[in-house]
Amino acid sequence: MIAPGDEYLLTRAASPQFGKSITVRVIRERTDRRTYHGWTWIEVYQLDARGDAVDRRELYVMPAGLIRACPTRQAPPSGPGGAGR
């Protein structure tokens, strides 16, 4: 299931349009649009190398080809020696 906030690496496995892979954060899946079996529309933010949103896009993809991305942002350290010290 594609959920808001999920981050994915999109490659040719998701759609032929991704000759150059991109990383995205899901806004929502567009279930109101009819598609071919095995495909879906998603609204996403395209992310740069730091994990910042640089563009908002609607993409037609195969969910089976989505690769879950490692989170690009990490919470600040907490506890001894961390934030709040």
N, C-alpha and C. Protein backbone atom coordinates (compact mmCIF):
# COMPACT_ATOMS: atom_id res chain seq x y z
N MET A 1 0.84 -1.19 0.00
CA MET A 1 0.00 0.00 0.00
C MET A 1 0.88 1.25 0.00
N ILE A 2 0.52 2.20 -0.82
CA ILE A 2 1.25 3.47 -0.90
C ILE A 2 0.59 4.44 0.07
N ALA A 3 1.37 4.94 1.02
CA ALA A 3 0.82 5.81 2.05
C ALA A 3 1.50 7.17 2.03
N PRO A 4 0.77 8.23 2.42
CA PRO A 4 1.38 9.56 2.51
C PRO A 4 2.59 9.53 3.43
N GLY A 5 3.64 10.22 2.99
CA GLY A 5 4.88 10.27 3.78
C GLY A 5 5.90 9.22 3.40
N ASP A 6 5.47 8.14 2.72
CA ASP A 6 6.42 7.12 2.28
C ASP A 6 7.39 7.74 1.28
N GLU A 7 8.65 7.30 1.34
CA GLU A 7 9.65 7.76 0.40
C GLU A 7 10.10 6.59 -0.46
N TYR A 8 10.22 6.85 -1.78
CA TYR A 8 10.59 5.81 -2.72
C TYR A 8 11.66 6.30 -3.68
N LEU A 9 12.48 5.36 -4.13
CA LEU A 9 13.40 5.59 -5.23
C LEU A 9 12.68 5.06 -6.47
N LEU A 10 12.51 5.92 -7.47
CA LEU A 10 11.82 5.52 -8.69
C LEU A 10 12.84 5.27 -9.78
N THR A 11 12.82 4.07 -10.34
CA THR A 11 13.71 3.65 -11.41
C THR A 11 12.86 3.13 -12.56
N ARG A 12 13.49 2.59 -13.58
CA ARG A 12 12.75 2.02 -14.70
C ARG A 12 11.81 0.90 -14.25
N ALA A 13 12.06 0.30 -13.10
CA ALA A 13 11.17 -0.74 -12.59
C ALA A 13 9.79 -0.17 -12.28
N ALA A 14 9.73 1.12 -11.94
CA ALA A 14 8.46 1.78 -11.64
C ALA A 14 7.79 2.32 -12.89
N SER A 15 8.61 2.73 -13.88
CA SER A 15 8.08 3.27 -15.13
C SER A 15 9.24 3.54 -16.09
N PRO A 16 9.04 3.31 -17.39
CA PRO A 16 10.11 3.58 -18.35
C PRO A 16 10.59 5.04 -18.35
N GLN A 17 9.77 5.96 -17.84
CA GLN A 17 10.15 7.37 -17.85
C GLN A 17 11.32 7.68 -16.92
N PHE A 18 11.67 6.77 -16.03
CA PHE A 18 12.73 7.04 -15.06
C PHE A 18 14.05 6.42 -15.49
N GLY A 19 14.58 6.89 -16.63
CA GLY A 19 15.90 6.48 -17.07
C GLY A 19 16.94 6.92 -16.06
N LYS A 20 16.70 8.08 -15.47
CA LYS A 20 17.50 8.59 -14.36
C LYS A 20 16.61 8.50 -13.13
N SER A 21 17.06 7.79 -12.11
CA SER A 21 16.21 7.59 -10.93
C SER A 21 16.01 8.90 -10.16
N ILE A 22 14.87 8.97 -9.47
CA ILE A 22 14.56 10.11 -8.61
C ILE A 22 14.02 9.57 -7.29
N THR A 23 14.15 10.38 -6.25
CA THR A 23 13.59 10.04 -4.95
C THR A 23 12.39 10.94 -4.70
N VAL A 24 11.30 10.35 -4.19
CA VAL A 24 10.07 11.10 -3.97
C VAL A 24 9.47 10.80 -2.60
N ARG A 25 8.67 11.75 -2.10
CA ARG A 25 7.87 11.55 -0.89
C ARG A 25 6.42 11.63 -1.32
N VAL A 26 5.64 10.63 -0.96
CA VAL A 26 4.24 10.54 -1.39
C VAL A 26 3.37 11.55 -0.66
N ILE A 27 2.54 12.25 -1.43
CA ILE A 27 1.50 13.10 -0.87
C ILE A 27 0.22 12.27 -0.76
N ARG A 28 -0.14 11.62 -1.90
CA ARG A 28 -1.30 10.73 -1.89
C ARG A 28 -1.33 9.91 -3.16
N GLU A 29 -2.04 8.79 -3.09
CA GLU A 29 -2.30 7.98 -4.27
C GLU A 29 -3.62 8.45 -4.86
N ARG A 30 -3.67 8.63 -6.17
CA ARG A 30 -4.88 9.11 -6.86
C ARG A 30 -5.75 7.92 -7.24
N THR A 31 -6.60 7.48 -6.32
CA THR A 31 -7.47 6.34 -6.57
C THR A 31 -8.70 6.72 -7.39
N ASP A 32 -8.89 8.01 -7.65
CA ASP A 32 -10.04 8.47 -8.41
C ASP A 32 -9.81 8.38 -9.93
N ARG A 33 -8.62 8.01 -10.34
CA ARG A 33 -8.31 7.90 -11.76
C ARG A 33 -8.27 6.44 -12.18
N ARG A 34 -8.85 6.15 -13.35
CA ARG A 34 -8.83 4.79 -13.89
C ARG A 34 -7.47 4.55 -14.54
N THR A 35 -6.94 3.36 -14.33
CA THR A 35 -5.64 3.01 -14.89
C THR A 35 -5.66 1.57 -15.38
N TYR A 36 -4.60 1.20 -16.06
CA TYR A 36 -4.43 -0.20 -16.43
C TYR A 36 -4.10 -0.99 -15.18
N HIS A 37 -4.42 -2.28 -15.21
CA HIS A 37 -4.14 -3.16 -14.07
C HIS A 37 -2.64 -3.12 -13.75
N GLY A 38 -2.29 -2.94 -12.49
CA GLY A 38 -0.90 -2.92 -12.06
C GLY A 38 -0.25 -1.55 -12.08
N TRP A 39 -1.01 -0.52 -12.44
CA TRP A 39 -0.49 0.85 -12.48
C TRP A 39 -1.33 1.75 -11.59
N THR A 40 -0.77 2.89 -11.18
CA THR A 40 -1.51 3.86 -10.37
C THR A 40 -0.91 5.26 -10.57
N TRP A 41 -1.71 6.26 -10.24
CA TRP A 41 -1.24 7.65 -10.22
C TRP A 41 -0.90 8.02 -8.79
N ILE A 42 0.22 8.72 -8.59
CA ILE A 42 0.57 9.23 -7.26
C ILE A 42 0.97 10.70 -7.38
N GLU A 43 0.63 11.45 -6.34
CA GLU A 43 1.11 12.83 -6.20
C GLU A 43 2.27 12.77 -5.23
N VAL A 44 3.37 13.41 -5.61
CA VAL A 44 4.59 13.33 -4.81
C VAL A 44 5.33 14.66 -4.78
N TYR A 45 6.24 14.76 -3.83
CA TYR A 45 7.26 15.79 -3.85
C TYR A 45 8.54 15.10 -4.31
N GLN A 46 9.19 15.65 -5.33
CA GLN A 46 10.50 15.14 -5.73
C GLN A 46 11.52 15.72 -4.77
N LEU A 47 12.44 14.88 -4.29
CA LEU A 47 13.41 15.28 -3.27
C LEU A 47 14.81 15.42 -3.85
N ASP A 48 15.57 16.37 -3.29
CA ASP A 48 16.97 16.49 -3.68
C ASP A 48 17.81 15.57 -2.78
N ALA A 49 19.13 15.63 -2.92
CA ALA A 49 20.03 14.74 -2.18
C ALA A 49 19.94 14.93 -0.67
N ARG A 50 19.52 16.12 -0.22
CA ARG A 50 19.38 16.38 1.22
C ARG A 50 18.01 15.99 1.75
N GLY A 51 17.10 15.62 0.86
CA GLY A 51 15.76 15.25 1.29
C GLY A 51 14.78 16.40 1.29
N ASP A 52 15.18 17.54 0.70
CA ASP A 52 14.30 18.69 0.59
C ASP A 52 13.45 18.58 -0.67
N ALA A 53 12.19 18.97 -0.56
CA ALA A 53 11.29 18.95 -1.71
C ALA A 53 11.70 20.03 -2.70
N VAL A 54 11.86 19.64 -3.97
CA VAL A 54 12.26 20.61 -5.00
C VAL A 54 11.20 20.75 -6.09
N ASP A 55 10.22 19.84 -6.13
CA ASP A 55 9.18 19.90 -7.14
C ASP A 55 8.00 19.05 -6.71
N ARG A 56 6.80 19.45 -7.11
CA ARG A 56 5.61 18.66 -6.86
C ARG A 56 5.20 18.05 -8.19
N ARG A 57 4.93 16.74 -8.20
CA ARG A 57 4.64 16.04 -9.45
C ARG A 57 3.51 15.05 -9.29
N GLU A 58 2.84 14.74 -10.41
CA GLU A 58 1.89 13.63 -10.50
C GLU A 58 2.51 12.62 -11.43
N LEU A 59 2.64 11.37 -10.96
CA LEU A 59 3.36 10.36 -11.72
C LEU A 59 2.51 9.11 -11.90
N TYR A 60 2.67 8.46 -13.04
CA TYR A 60 2.01 7.21 -13.37
C TYR A 60 3.03 6.11 -13.19
N VAL A 61 2.83 5.22 -12.22
CA VAL A 61 3.85 4.24 -11.86
C VAL A 61 3.24 2.85 -11.62
N MET A 62 4.13 1.86 -11.62
CA MET A 62 3.78 0.50 -11.22
C MET A 62 4.18 0.33 -9.76
N PRO A 63 3.23 0.19 -8.84
CA PRO A 63 3.59 0.04 -7.43
C PRO A 63 4.56 -1.12 -7.17
N ALA A 64 4.47 -2.18 -7.96
CA ALA A 64 5.37 -3.32 -7.77
C ALA A 64 6.83 -2.94 -8.02
N GLY A 65 7.08 -1.85 -8.75
CA GLY A 65 8.44 -1.43 -9.05
C GLY A 65 8.98 -0.35 -8.14
N LEU A 66 8.19 0.08 -7.15
CA LEU A 66 8.65 1.12 -6.23
C LEU A 66 9.67 0.54 -5.26
N ILE A 67 10.76 1.25 -5.05
CA ILE A 67 11.81 0.83 -4.11
C ILE A 67 11.78 1.76 -2.92
N ARG A 68 11.52 1.20 -1.74
CA ARG A 68 11.46 2.05 -0.55
C ARG A 68 12.82 2.68 -0.30
N ALA A 69 12.82 4.00 -0.14
CA ALA A 69 14.06 4.74 0.08
C ALA A 69 14.36 4.81 1.57
N CYS A 70 15.63 4.90 1.88
CA CYS A 70 16.03 5.14 3.26
C CYS A 70 15.65 6.57 3.60
N PRO A 71 15.15 6.82 4.80
CA PRO A 71 14.82 8.21 5.16
C PRO A 71 16.03 9.11 4.96
N THR A 72 15.78 10.29 4.38
CA THR A 72 16.87 11.21 4.09
C THR A 72 17.16 12.14 5.25
N ARG A 73 16.25 12.25 6.16
CA ARG A 73 16.45 13.12 7.32
C ARG A 73 16.51 12.25 8.57
N GLN A 74 17.34 12.63 9.51
CA GLN A 74 17.43 11.91 10.76
C GLN A 74 17.11 12.86 11.89
N ALA A 75 16.45 12.34 12.90
CA ALA A 75 16.12 13.14 14.07
C ALA A 75 17.40 13.51 14.80
N PRO A 76 17.45 14.70 15.42
CA PRO A 76 18.66 15.06 16.18
C PRO A 76 18.85 14.09 17.33
N PRO A 77 20.10 13.85 17.71
CA PRO A 77 20.35 12.91 18.82
C PRO A 77 19.72 13.43 20.11
N SER A 78 19.33 12.50 20.94
CA SER A 78 18.76 12.88 22.24
C SER A 78 19.50 12.13 23.34
N GLY A 79 19.25 12.50 24.54
CA GLY A 79 19.91 11.86 25.66
C GLY A 79 21.25 12.49 25.95
N PRO A 80 22.09 11.80 26.74
CA PRO A 80 23.40 12.36 27.10
C PRO A 80 24.26 12.70 25.89
N GLY A 81 24.72 13.92 25.84
CA GLY A 81 25.58 14.35 24.75
C GLY A 81 24.83 14.78 23.50
N GLY A 82 23.51 14.63 23.49
CA GLY A 82 22.72 14.97 22.31
C GLY A 82 22.07 16.32 22.46
N ALA A 83 21.04 16.55 21.67
CA ALA A 83 20.30 17.82 21.72
C ALA A 83 19.66 18.00 23.09
N GLY A 84 19.46 19.20 23.48
CA GLY A 84 18.82 19.47 24.75
C GLY A 84 19.81 19.45 25.92
N ARG A 85 21.05 19.36 25.59
CA ARG A 85 22.07 19.30 26.62
C ARG A 85 22.38 20.65 27.16
